[in-house]
């Protein structure tokens, strides 16, 4: 051992040599232990960084590879929002893990920073000019000359600001006549109420468009030291809803003049007084056809159940093409034994038919389902091509391209079904389409009927998700009021009108507006600023 030989050269006695040798050995063992520990820590950090990078890559792959059928558009947005948050958190963790680890074996990925998006030009600008401390050159002392400027913009927001309108009405007296004259009180939706139009608009938009319960609005106002009792907010909502009801009724009349409608429904919990529980009510939705001329309309109808009788009561004597899913409650509307009015004509939804095969393929990678998805996909490609065409050109396109695809699809489904055992998922998926085949192909015989029920589903989905915030409807009357207001706000959105701007303008005009001109206030007449 080299260490002992070197100790012999020091001419130490035996006891000293032993002590020194033990000390050196202890130091060597300690250094070895520290080295092993450092290597273990380094290896653990490397593994952690590798795991984080793999997780980050996985999240990015999911983020940019989301399938349309996997999630609804709003669910997909919520998922992507959470995914983006997770990606940012993982990047931060990787940075933290690599801080102080100059010898890391994993190369840190470069962060891709997105460029700033241009801010909307219509937003007001508040300019802040930052001049240098001195306008003389720091070297020679001469005056500086402006040769340009660097402009950066930041987006800011100011939360809801409460302020007070003071209406001062001077009173003038005529001494000879002993009379007093003053300007009349400005008309308002709620006579004598303290809520201005802007506040009523904020309450209704928050409750019915942003799905915030009134107690949350109460809390928001309290942060500004404004006391808005829930009972007061509820009174405003109730009275405003009554004032807006004629507009919603008029939209129903106009909708029922159309020759084709979409229909769908979603369950809504309704408070059951006395039991402390909720019962199931339904919000029915009826939407106009985007392929026909005229403004887009969505009407919501709140009912206490899902029976097809509710749809019959709403439609009354209406007759035309009705596009629905395969829910049995609609079947009576298409029955020839219906005595009150001629039967409606059923239209099938290819999105629902496709969904059956999509679920089947996702569950077991069925080759049959994949073939069905491919064939149905051809129908949607043709619809995309005809999206910008007029009715006549679209009808010709469907006759030339869609009809042959449908004929081939029917023949293939029939042959495949004959060799498929009953009761399985494959049989159920094919039976859904084959049993409704006449209704499924009616759209292709025309140029104005839609291929699926997605328009009404997309309109009703935000409300279906938003009900998780307000939990339940307090009563049937509250549900009907919500349906009327949702009808007006939803129709405004469909026609590209800002619901808040339309509502504020309408609430200002409604108290003095003649009923004979009510159509001019509907949320599709023309832009609010031109009314």
Protein backbone atom coordinates (compact mmCIF):
# COMPACT_ATOMS: atom_id res chain seq x y z
CA UNK A 1 0.00 0.00 0.00
CA UNK A 2 1.47 3.28 -1.11
CA UNK A 3 0.09 5.16 1.92
CA UNK A 4 1.87 2.89 4.43
CA UNK A 5 5.16 3.14 2.49
CA UNK A 6 4.94 6.92 2.64
CA UNK A 7 4.27 6.74 6.37
CA UNK A 8 7.42 4.63 6.86
CA UNK A 9 9.45 7.41 5.29
CA UNK A 10 8.23 9.85 7.96
CA UNK A 11 10.14 7.96 10.71
CA UNK A 12 7.10 7.89 12.99
CA UNK A 13 6.68 5.42 15.77
CA UNK A 14 4.29 2.53 15.35
CA UNK A 15 1.40 4.09 17.33
CA UNK A 16 1.55 7.36 15.39
CA UNK A 17 1.68 5.51 12.10
CA UNK A 18 -1.44 3.55 13.03
CA UNK A 19 -3.35 6.69 14.00
CA UNK A 20 -2.37 8.55 10.86
CA UNK A 21 -3.23 5.57 8.69
CA UNK A 22 -6.65 5.26 10.36
CA UNK A 23 -7.29 8.97 9.86
CA UNK A 24 -6.34 8.85 6.19
CA UNK A 25 -8.48 5.78 5.64
CA UNK A 26 -11.41 7.50 7.35
CA UNK A 27 -11.03 10.51 5.09
CA UNK A 28 -10.86 8.28 2.04
CA UNK A 29 -13.98 6.39 3.11
CA UNK A 30 -15.79 9.64 3.79
CA UNK A 31 -14.81 11.05 0.39
CA UNK A 32 -15.95 7.84 -1.27
CA UNK A 33 -19.27 8.00 0.54
CA UNK A 34 -19.78 11.65 -0.42
CA UNK A 35 -18.92 10.83 -4.02
CA UNK A 36 -21.42 7.99 -4.13
CA UNK A 37 -24.08 10.19 -2.54
CA UNK A 38 -23.38 12.99 -5.02
CA UNK A 39 -23.56 10.56 -7.92
CA UNK A 40 -26.82 9.15 -6.58
CA UNK A 41 -28.31 12.64 -6.19
CA UNK A 42 -27.13 13.57 -9.67
CA UNK A 43 -28.62 10.40 -11.10
CA UNK A 44 -31.92 11.04 -9.30
CA UNK A 45 -32.07 14.56 -10.67
CA UNK A 46 -31.30 13.29 -14.14
CA UNK A 47 -34.12 10.77 -13.85
CA UNK A 48 -36.49 13.44 -12.57
CA UNK A 49 -35.62 15.80 -15.42
CA UNK A 50 -36.01 13.00 -17.94
CA UNK A 51 -39.40 12.12 -16.46
CA UNK A 52 -40.50 15.76 -16.53
CA UNK A 53 -39.36 16.16 -20.14
CA UNK A 54 -41.23 13.00 -21.14
CA UNK A 55 -44.35 14.19 -19.32
CA UNK A 56 -44.00 17.58 -20.99
CA UNK A 57 -43.72 15.95 -24.41
CA UNK A 58 -46.73 13.78 -23.63
CA UNK A 59 -48.81 16.80 -22.60
CA UNK A 60 -47.78 18.70 -25.70
CA UNK A 61 -48.69 15.73 -27.86
CA UNK A 62 -52.11 15.58 -26.21
CA UNK A 63 -52.48 19.35 -26.40
CA UNK A 64 -51.92 19.48 -30.14
CA UNK A 65 -53.48 16.15 -30.98
CA UNK A 66 -56.93 16.37 -29.37
CA UNK A 67 -59.55 14.57 -31.43
CA UNK A 68 -62.75 16.44 -32.15
CA UNK A 69 -64.95 13.54 -31.12
CA UNK A 70 -63.12 12.98 -27.84
CA UNK A 71 -64.35 16.17 -26.17
CA UNK A 72 -66.91 18.85 -26.86
CA UNK A 73 -65.59 22.22 -28.00
CA UNK A 74 -66.05 23.82 -24.57
CA UNK A 75 -64.72 20.77 -22.72
CA UNK A 76 -61.78 20.79 -25.11
CA UNK A 77 -61.12 24.45 -24.31
CA UNK A 78 -61.22 23.71 -20.58
CA UNK A 79 -58.91 20.74 -21.07
CA UNK A 80 -56.44 22.75 -23.14
CA UNK A 81 -56.48 25.50 -20.53
CA UNK A 82 -55.50 23.02 -17.82
CA UNK A 83 -52.99 21.40 -20.17
CA UNK A 84 -51.32 24.75 -20.86
CA UNK A 85 -51.11 25.41 -17.13
CA UNK A 86 -49.50 22.00 -16.60
CA UNK A 87 -46.98 22.59 -19.41
CA UNK A 88 -45.94 25.92 -17.90
CA UNK A 89 -45.63 24.31 -14.47
CA UNK A 90 -43.50 21.47 -15.86
CA UNK A 91 -41.19 23.89 -17.62
CA UNK A 92 -40.75 25.77 -14.36
CA UNK A 93 -40.02 22.53 -12.49
CA UNK A 94 -37.41 21.56 -15.09
CA UNK A 95 -35.75 24.94 -14.70
CA UNK A 96 -35.75 24.60 -10.92
CA UNK A 97 -34.37 21.06 -11.12
CA UNK A 98 -31.49 22.21 -13.32
CA UNK A 99 -30.61 25.27 -11.24
CA UNK A 100 -27.24 24.69 -9.62
CA UNK A 101 -26.69 21.48 -11.59
CA UNK A 102 -24.07 22.50 -14.10
CA UNK A 103 -23.03 18.91 -14.70
CA UNK A 104 -26.48 17.64 -15.55
CA UNK A 105 -26.45 14.99 -18.23
CA UNK A 106 -29.83 16.06 -19.65
CA UNK A 107 -29.78 19.03 -21.98
CA UNK A 108 -32.32 21.68 -21.05
CA UNK A 109 -34.85 22.21 -23.85
CA UNK A 110 -35.18 25.71 -25.17
CA UNK A 111 -38.41 27.36 -24.18
CA UNK A 112 -40.49 28.49 -27.10
CA UNK A 113 -41.99 31.86 -26.32
CA UNK A 114 -44.99 32.87 -28.36
CA UNK A 115 -44.91 36.30 -29.93
CA UNK A 116 -47.30 38.98 -28.77
CA UNK A 117 -50.62 38.97 -30.56
CA UNK A 118 -51.76 42.39 -31.81
CA UNK A 119 -54.19 43.93 -29.37
CA UNK A 120 -57.67 44.84 -30.69
CA UNK A 121 -57.59 48.28 -32.31
CA UNK A 122 -61.02 49.28 -30.93
CA UNK A 123 -59.80 49.28 -27.33
CA UNK A 124 -59.09 52.72 -25.85
CA UNK A 125 -55.40 53.56 -25.44
CA UNK A 126 -53.89 55.30 -22.41
CA UNK A 127 -50.50 56.64 -23.44
CA UNK A 128 -47.56 56.78 -21.05
CA UNK A 129 -44.60 58.72 -22.45
CA UNK A 130 -41.31 57.76 -20.80
CA UNK A 131 -38.74 60.49 -21.45
CA UNK A 132 -35.07 60.00 -20.54
CA UNK A 133 -33.86 61.72 -17.38
CA UNK A 134 -31.86 64.21 -19.45
CA UNK A 135 -32.15 65.47 -23.02
CA UNK A 136 -28.39 66.15 -23.22
CA UNK A 137 -25.83 63.63 -24.37
CA UNK A 138 -24.07 61.98 -21.48
CA UNK A 139 -20.72 62.16 -23.30
CA UNK A 140 -20.51 65.55 -25.06
CA UNK A 141 -23.36 67.43 -23.36
CA UNK A 142 -25.10 68.45 -26.59
CA UNK A 143 -28.89 68.35 -27.02
CA UNK A 144 -30.39 65.03 -28.10
CA UNK A 145 -32.52 64.86 -31.28
CA UNK A 146 -35.58 62.59 -31.45
CA UNK A 147 -35.13 60.11 -34.31
CA UNK A 148 -37.95 57.68 -33.54
CA UNK A 149 -39.78 55.91 -30.76
CA UNK A 150 -40.29 52.40 -29.47
CA UNK A 151 -43.90 51.47 -28.70
CA UNK A 152 -44.99 48.48 -26.64
CA UNK A 153 -48.56 47.75 -25.57
CA UNK A 154 -49.91 45.95 -22.50
CA UNK A 155 -53.47 44.77 -22.09
CA UNK A 156 -55.17 45.80 -18.85
CA UNK A 157 -58.64 45.43 -17.39
CA UNK A 158 -60.67 47.32 -14.84
CA UNK A 159 -63.11 45.20 -12.82
CA UNK A 160 -66.77 46.17 -12.59
CA UNK A 161 -66.86 49.74 -11.34
CA UNK A 162 -69.88 50.93 -9.42
CA UNK A 163 -70.89 54.56 -9.71
CA UNK A 164 -74.02 56.62 -9.11
CA UNK A 165 -76.21 58.60 -11.52
CA UNK A 166 -77.71 61.66 -9.82
CA UNK A 167 -80.88 62.82 -11.52
CA UNK A 168 -81.46 66.43 -10.46
CA UNK A 169 -84.87 67.86 -11.35
CA UNK A 170 -85.05 71.56 -10.51
CA UNK A 171 -88.52 72.69 -9.49
CA UNK A 172 -89.86 76.02 -10.69
CA UNK A 173 -92.84 77.80 -9.19
CA UNK A 174 -95.28 80.23 -10.75
CA UNK A 175 -96.35 82.57 -7.97
CA UNK A 176 -99.42 83.99 -9.76
CA UNK A 177 -100.71 80.51 -10.65
CA UNK A 178 -99.38 78.88 -7.49
CA UNK A 179 -98.06 75.92 -9.50
CA UNK A 180 -94.78 74.04 -9.51
CA UNK A 181 -93.16 72.75 -12.72
CA UNK A 182 -90.43 70.11 -12.96
CA UNK A 183 -89.11 67.76 -15.62
CA UNK A 184 -90.80 64.35 -15.67
CA UNK A 185 -89.07 61.39 -14.07
CA UNK A 186 -87.08 59.48 -16.73
CA UNK A 187 -88.91 56.24 -17.60
CA UNK A 188 -87.27 53.04 -16.39
CA UNK A 189 -87.77 49.30 -16.50
CA UNK A 190 -88.27 49.29 -12.73
CA UNK A 191 -90.13 52.42 -11.64
CA UNK A 192 -88.58 53.99 -8.59
CA UNK A 193 -85.81 51.43 -8.47
CA UNK A 194 -82.23 52.33 -7.69
CA UNK A 195 -80.76 50.10 -10.43
CA UNK A 196 -79.67 51.89 -13.58
CA UNK A 197 -79.75 50.14 -16.94
CA UNK A 198 -76.03 49.35 -16.79
CA UNK A 199 -76.40 47.59 -13.45
CA UNK A 200 -79.40 45.56 -14.61
CA UNK A 201 -77.44 44.54 -17.70
CA UNK A 202 -74.48 43.47 -15.58
CA UNK A 203 -76.70 41.36 -13.33
CA UNK A 204 -78.51 39.61 -16.20
CA UNK A 205 -75.39 38.99 -18.27
CA UNK A 206 -73.53 37.66 -15.24
CA UNK A 207 -76.39 35.36 -14.25
CA UNK A 208 -77.53 34.06 -17.62
CA UNK A 209 -74.49 34.35 -19.86
CA UNK A 210 -71.62 33.89 -17.40
CA UNK A 211 -73.69 31.55 -15.19
CA UNK A 212 -72.81 33.28 -11.92
CA UNK A 213 -75.33 32.79 -9.09
CA UNK A 214 -76.67 35.92 -7.44
CA UNK A 215 -74.77 35.27 -4.23
CA UNK A 216 -71.51 35.62 -6.14
CA UNK A 217 -72.66 38.94 -7.57
CA UNK A 218 -73.46 39.96 -4.01
CA UNK A 219 -69.90 39.10 -3.01
CA UNK A 220 -68.40 40.98 -5.97
CA UNK A 221 -70.33 44.12 -5.06
CA UNK A 222 -69.38 43.78 -1.40
CA UNK A 223 -65.68 43.98 -2.33
CA UNK A 224 -66.45 47.53 -3.51
CA UNK A 225 -68.38 48.23 -0.29
CA UNK A 226 -71.67 48.18 -2.21
CA UNK A 227 -74.46 46.32 -0.46
CA UNK A 228 -76.64 44.44 -2.95
CA UNK A 229 -78.84 41.98 -1.10
CA UNK A 230 -79.69 38.81 -2.92
CA UNK A 231 -83.38 39.55 -2.43
CA UNK A 232 -82.89 42.90 -4.20
CA UNK A 233 -80.95 41.28 -7.05
CA UNK A 234 -83.64 38.62 -7.38
CA UNK A 235 -86.34 41.30 -7.57
CA UNK A 236 -84.47 43.08 -10.35
CA UNK A 237 -84.09 39.84 -12.30
CA UNK A 238 -87.77 38.98 -11.91
CA UNK A 239 -89.05 42.39 -12.98
CA UNK A 240 -86.62 42.67 -15.88
CA UNK A 241 -87.57 39.19 -17.04
CA UNK A 242 -91.23 40.20 -17.19
CA UNK A 243 -90.33 43.29 -19.23
CA UNK A 244 -88.34 41.20 -21.72
CA UNK A 245 -90.90 38.39 -22.04
CA UNK A 246 -92.79 39.96 -25.02
CA UNK A 247 -89.57 39.97 -27.02
CA UNK A 248 -89.02 36.27 -26.31
CA UNK A 249 -92.65 35.51 -27.23
CA UNK A 250 -92.19 37.33 -30.53
CA UNK A 251 -89.08 35.27 -31.30
CA UNK A 252 -91.11 32.11 -30.81
CA UNK A 253 -93.72 33.34 -33.30
CA UNK A 254 -91.06 34.13 -35.89
CA UNK A 255 -89.28 30.80 -35.33
CA UNK A 256 -92.48 28.82 -35.90
CA UNK A 257 -92.84 30.48 -39.29
CA UNK A 258 -89.77 28.58 -40.51
CA UNK A 259 -90.11 25.34 -42.44
CA UNK A 260 -87.32 23.44 -40.71
CA UNK A 261 -86.21 23.32 -37.07
CA UNK A 262 -83.53 21.67 -34.96
CA UNK A 263 -84.65 20.34 -31.56
CA UNK A 264 -82.82 19.04 -28.51
CA UNK A 265 -83.21 18.98 -24.74
CA UNK A 266 -81.03 18.93 -21.64
CA UNK A 267 -81.97 18.05 -18.03
CA UNK A 268 -82.06 20.82 -15.41
CA UNK A 269 -82.35 20.15 -11.66
CA UNK A 270 -85.26 22.06 -10.16
CA UNK A 271 -85.69 22.64 -6.46
CA UNK A 272 -88.54 20.63 -4.98
CA UNK A 273 -89.92 22.77 -2.12
CA UNK A 274 -90.45 20.99 1.15
CA UNK A 275 -88.37 17.95 0.31
CA UNK A 276 -84.95 19.57 0.47
CA UNK A 277 -84.10 17.85 -2.80
CA UNK A 278 -84.29 18.56 -6.50
CA UNK A 279 -86.38 17.04 -9.24
CA UNK A 280 -85.54 16.76 -12.90
CA UNK A 281 -86.92 19.33 -15.31
CA UNK A 282 -85.83 19.93 -18.92
CA UNK A 283 -84.71 22.83 -21.02
CA UNK A 284 -85.87 22.23 -24.57
CA UNK A 285 -84.12 24.06 -27.40
CA UNK A 286 -85.44 24.84 -30.88
CA UNK A 287 -83.15 26.41 -33.46
CA UNK A 288 -83.57 27.79 -36.94
CA UNK A 289 -81.83 26.36 -39.98
CA UNK A 290 -78.55 28.05 -40.93
CA UNK A 291 -78.89 26.91 -44.55
CA UNK A 292 -82.03 28.96 -45.08
CA UNK A 293 -82.28 32.72 -45.46
CA UNK A 294 -83.17 34.90 -42.49
CA UNK A 295 -81.69 35.67 -39.09
CA UNK A 296 -80.65 32.84 -36.83
CA UNK A 297 -82.95 32.14 -33.89
CA UNK A 298 -82.60 29.93 -30.83
CA UNK A 299 -85.59 29.49 -28.52
CA UNK A 300 -85.40 27.79 -25.13
CA UNK A 301 -88.52 26.29 -23.58
CA UNK A 302 -88.49 25.24 -19.92
CA UNK A 303 -90.70 22.29 -19.06
CA UNK A 304 -91.23 20.07 -16.07
CA UNK A 305 -90.35 16.84 -17.89
CA UNK A 306 -89.03 15.13 -21.01
CA UNK A 307 -92.30 13.76 -22.34
CA UNK A 308 -92.86 14.25 -26.04
CA UNK A 309 -96.07 16.02 -25.08
CA UNK A 310 -93.99 19.07 -24.14
CA UNK A 311 -92.57 19.27 -27.67
CA UNK A 312 -96.06 18.86 -29.11
CA UNK A 313 -97.40 21.68 -26.92
CA UNK A 314 -94.62 24.01 -28.00
CA UNK A 315 -94.90 23.25 -31.72
CA UNK A 316 -98.69 23.27 -31.74
CA UNK A 317 -99.89 23.14 -35.34
CA UNK A 318 -96.44 23.71 -36.78
CA UNK A 319 -95.51 21.43 -39.63
CA UNK A 320 -92.20 21.05 -41.37
CA UNK A 321 -88.90 19.19 -41.18
CA UNK A 322 -87.76 18.53 -37.60
CA UNK A 323 -84.18 17.36 -37.02
CA UNK A 324 -83.83 15.41 -33.77
CA UNK A 325 -81.96 12.51 -32.22
CA UNK A 326 -83.55 9.09 -31.73
CA UNK A 327 -85.28 9.98 -28.44
CA UNK A 328 -88.66 8.27 -28.35
CA UNK A 329 -90.49 11.36 -27.13
CA UNK A 330 -90.36 12.84 -30.62
CA UNK A 331 -91.84 9.80 -32.32
CA UNK A 332 -95.46 10.93 -31.88
CA UNK A 333 -94.64 14.08 -33.87
CA UNK A 334 -93.86 11.93 -36.91
CA UNK A 335 -96.76 9.51 -36.53
CA UNK A 336 -99.48 9.49 -39.16
CA UNK A 337 -102.09 8.88 -36.45
CA UNK A 338 -101.61 12.37 -35.06
CA UNK A 339 -105.01 14.05 -35.45
CA UNK A 340 -104.47 17.66 -34.41
CA UNK A 341 -102.21 18.59 -37.34
CA UNK A 342 -100.37 16.99 -40.21
CA UNK A 343 -97.32 15.08 -39.03
CA UNK A 344 -93.88 16.63 -38.95
CA UNK A 345 -91.24 15.23 -41.28
CA UNK A 346 -88.36 13.57 -39.45
CA UNK A 347 -84.74 14.37 -40.27
CA UNK A 348 -82.01 12.08 -38.96
CA UNK A 349 -78.74 13.32 -37.47
CA UNK A 350 -75.56 11.96 -39.03
CA UNK A 351 -73.50 13.23 -36.11
CA UNK A 352 -75.38 10.87 -33.79
CA UNK A 353 -75.00 7.99 -36.24
CA UNK A 354 -71.28 8.69 -36.57
CA UNK A 355 -70.91 8.84 -32.79
CA UNK A 356 -72.12 5.25 -32.46
CA UNK A 357 -69.34 4.01 -34.74
CA UNK A 358 -66.77 6.32 -33.16
CA UNK A 359 -67.49 4.92 -29.68
CA UNK A 360 -67.30 1.39 -31.06
CA UNK A 361 -63.94 2.02 -32.77
CA UNK A 362 -62.55 3.72 -29.67
CA UNK A 363 -63.60 0.77 -27.49
CA UNK A 364 -62.15 -2.09 -29.53
CA UNK A 365 -60.53 -0.65 -32.69
CA UNK A 366 -63.27 -2.21 -34.80
CA UNK A 367 -62.33 -2.32 -38.49
CA UNK A 368 -66.01 -2.25 -39.39
CA UNK A 369 -66.49 0.96 -37.38
CA UNK A 370 -63.43 2.50 -39.04
CA UNK A 371 -64.88 1.75 -42.46
CA UNK A 372 -68.20 3.33 -41.44
CA UNK A 373 -66.40 6.42 -40.13
CA UNK A 374 -64.52 6.75 -43.41
CA UNK A 375 -67.68 6.53 -45.48
CA UNK A 376 -69.58 9.00 -43.27
CA UNK A 377 -66.57 11.28 -43.42
CA UNK A 378 -67.00 11.51 -47.18
CA UNK A 379 -70.48 12.94 -46.64
CA UNK A 380 -69.06 15.68 -44.41
CA UNK A 381 -66.32 16.49 -46.92
CA UNK A 382 -69.02 17.07 -49.54
CA UNK A 383 -70.96 19.28 -47.09
CA UNK A 384 -67.85 21.33 -46.46
CA UNK A 385 -67.47 21.86 -50.20
CA UNK A 386 -71.06 23.04 -50.47
CA UNK A 387 -71.00 25.28 -47.41
CA UNK A 388 -70.67 28.51 -49.39
CA UNK A 389 -73.01 27.50 -52.25
CA UNK A 390 -76.58 28.67 -52.68
CA UNK A 391 -79.46 26.23 -52.21
CA UNK A 392 -79.75 25.23 -55.87
CA UNK A 393 -76.03 24.61 -56.30
CA UNK A 394 -75.87 22.67 -53.05
CA UNK A 395 -78.77 20.48 -54.10
CA UNK A 396 -77.00 19.69 -57.35
CA UNK A 397 -73.77 18.90 -55.49
CA UNK A 398 -75.58 16.53 -53.16
CA UNK A 399 -77.34 14.81 -56.05
CA UNK A 400 -74.07 14.28 -57.90
CA UNK A 401 -71.82 13.32 -54.97
CA UNK A 402 -73.74 12.66 -51.73
CA UNK A 403 -76.40 10.38 -53.17
CA UNK A 404 -73.88 7.86 -54.63
CA UNK A 405 -72.00 7.79 -51.32
CA UNK A 406 -75.24 7.19 -49.42
CA UNK A 407 -76.31 4.41 -51.80
CA UNK A 408 -72.96 2.66 -51.39
CA UNK A 409 -73.08 3.14 -47.62
CA UNK A 410 -76.55 1.60 -47.39
CA UNK A 411 -75.53 -1.40 -49.46
CA UNK A 412 -72.41 -1.92 -47.37
CA UNK A 413 -74.30 -1.54 -44.07
CA UNK A 414 -76.98 -3.99 -45.18
CA UNK A 415 -74.46 -6.65 -46.25
CA UNK A 416 -72.33 -6.20 -43.15
CA UNK A 417 -75.34 -6.29 -40.82
CA UNK A 418 -76.58 -9.59 -42.34
CA UNK A 419 -73.37 -11.29 -41.21
CA UNK A 420 -73.22 -9.66 -37.75
CA UNK A 421 -74.70 -11.32 -34.67
CA UNK A 422 -77.51 -9.57 -32.85
CA UNK A 423 -77.04 -7.85 -29.51
CA UNK A 424 -73.45 -6.69 -29.90
CA UNK A 425 -72.11 -3.15 -30.19
CA UNK A 426 -71.55 -3.52 -33.92
CA UNK A 427 -75.14 -4.56 -34.52
CA UNK A 428 -76.50 -1.70 -32.40
CA UNK A 429 -74.37 0.87 -34.21
CA UNK A 430 -75.56 -0.31 -37.62
CA UNK A 431 -79.18 -0.70 -36.52
CA UNK A 432 -79.28 2.93 -35.34
CA UNK A 433 -78.59 4.10 -38.89
CA UNK A 434 -80.46 1.44 -40.86
CA UNK A 435 -83.70 1.72 -38.86
CA UNK A 436 -83.81 5.48 -39.51
CA UNK A 437 -82.49 5.38 -43.07
CA UNK A 438 -85.37 7.31 -44.74
CA UNK A 439 -84.88 10.14 -42.21
CA UNK A 440 -81.09 9.99 -42.58
CA UNK A 441 -81.05 10.56 -46.34
CA UNK A 442 -83.73 13.27 -46.64
CA UNK A 443 -81.20 16.07 -46.34
CA UNK A 444 -79.40 14.91 -49.50
CA UNK A 445 -82.61 15.18 -51.54
CA UNK A 446 -82.62 18.95 -51.02
CA UNK A 447 -80.22 21.87 -50.89
CA UNK A 448 -81.51 23.55 -47.73
CA UNK A 449 -81.78 20.81 -45.10
CA UNK A 450 -78.81 20.26 -42.73
CA UNK A 451 -76.89 17.03 -42.32
CA UNK A 452 -76.90 16.92 -38.51
CA UNK A 453 -78.18 18.46 -35.29
CA UNK A 454 -74.87 19.99 -34.24
CA UNK A 455 -76.06 23.62 -34.51
CA UNK A 456 -78.59 23.24 -31.70
CA UNK A 457 -76.29 21.01 -29.63
CA UNK A 458 -73.52 23.60 -29.84
CA UNK A 459 -75.94 26.31 -28.73
CA UNK A 460 -77.36 24.40 -25.79
CA UNK A 461 -74.02 23.02 -24.57
CA UNK A 462 -72.77 26.18 -22.77
CA UNK A 463 -75.98 26.24 -20.73
CA UNK A 464 -75.65 22.54 -19.97
CA UNK A 465 -72.12 23.15 -18.65
CA UNK A 466 -73.04 26.41 -16.92
CA UNK A 467 -75.76 24.77 -14.84
CA UNK A 468 -72.97 23.21 -12.75
CA UNK A 469 -72.40 26.72 -11.40
CA UNK A 470 -75.97 27.59 -10.47
CA UNK A 471 -76.74 23.99 -9.42
CA UNK A 472 -80.54 24.11 -9.88
CA UNK A 473 -83.52 26.20 -10.92
CA UNK A 474 -85.37 27.56 -7.92
CA UNK A 475 -88.83 27.05 -9.41
CA UNK A 476 -90.65 26.39 -12.66
CA UNK A 477 -91.27 30.11 -13.05
CA UNK A 478 -87.56 30.81 -12.55
CA UNK A 479 -86.78 28.21 -15.21
CA UNK A 480 -89.22 29.78 -17.65
CA UNK A 481 -87.76 33.22 -16.98
CA UNK A 482 -84.25 31.88 -17.56
CA UNK A 483 -85.41 30.27 -20.81
CA UNK A 484 -86.84 33.56 -22.07
CA UNK A 485 -83.70 35.56 -21.26
CA UNK A 486 -81.44 32.82 -22.66
CA UNK A 487 -83.53 32.93 -25.83
CA UNK A 488 -82.81 36.63 -26.31
CA UNK A 489 -79.12 36.51 -25.39
CA UNK A 490 -78.53 33.31 -27.38
CA UNK A 491 -80.17 34.75 -30.48
CA UNK A 492 -78.03 37.88 -30.19
CA UNK A 493 -74.87 35.75 -30.08
CA UNK A 494 -75.98 33.70 -33.09
CA UNK A 495 -76.35 36.89 -35.12
CA UNK A 496 -72.99 38.34 -34.16
CA UNK A 497 -74.44 40.96 -31.81
CA UNK A 498 -72.84 41.70 -28.45
CA UNK A 499 -75.52 40.46 -25.99
CA UNK A 500 -74.56 42.99 -23.31
CA UNK A 501 -74.67 45.96 -25.72
CA UNK A 502 -78.01 44.78 -27.15
CA UNK A 503 -79.51 44.23 -23.69
CA UNK A 504 -78.44 47.63 -22.41
CA UNK A 505 -79.79 49.39 -25.49
CA UNK A 506 -83.06 47.46 -25.29
CA UNK A 507 -83.60 48.14 -21.57
CA UNK A 508 -83.10 51.85 -22.22
CA UNK A 509 -85.67 51.94 -25.03
CA UNK A 510 -88.22 49.38 -23.83
CA UNK A 511 -90.14 51.57 -21.30
CA UNK A 512 -91.30 53.99 -24.02
CA UNK A 513 -91.15 51.72 -27.06
CA UNK A 514 -94.46 51.14 -28.89
CA UNK A 515 -95.58 47.52 -29.09
CA UNK A 516 -96.31 47.93 -32.80
CA UNK A 517 -92.56 48.32 -33.42
CA UNK A 518 -91.39 45.49 -31.17
CA UNK A 519 -89.64 43.71 -34.05
CA UNK A 520 -87.14 46.56 -34.22
CA UNK A 521 -85.87 45.64 -30.76
CA UNK A 522 -85.27 41.96 -31.53
CA UNK A 523 -81.62 40.88 -31.32
CA UNK A 524 -81.17 40.54 -35.05
CA UNK A 525 -82.95 43.58 -36.49
CA UNK A 526 -79.73 45.52 -37.05
CA UNK A 527 -76.65 46.50 -35.06
CA UNK A 528 -77.49 48.18 -31.77
CA UNK A 529 -75.79 51.47 -32.66
CA UNK A 530 -77.99 51.82 -35.77
CA UNK A 531 -81.32 51.17 -34.06
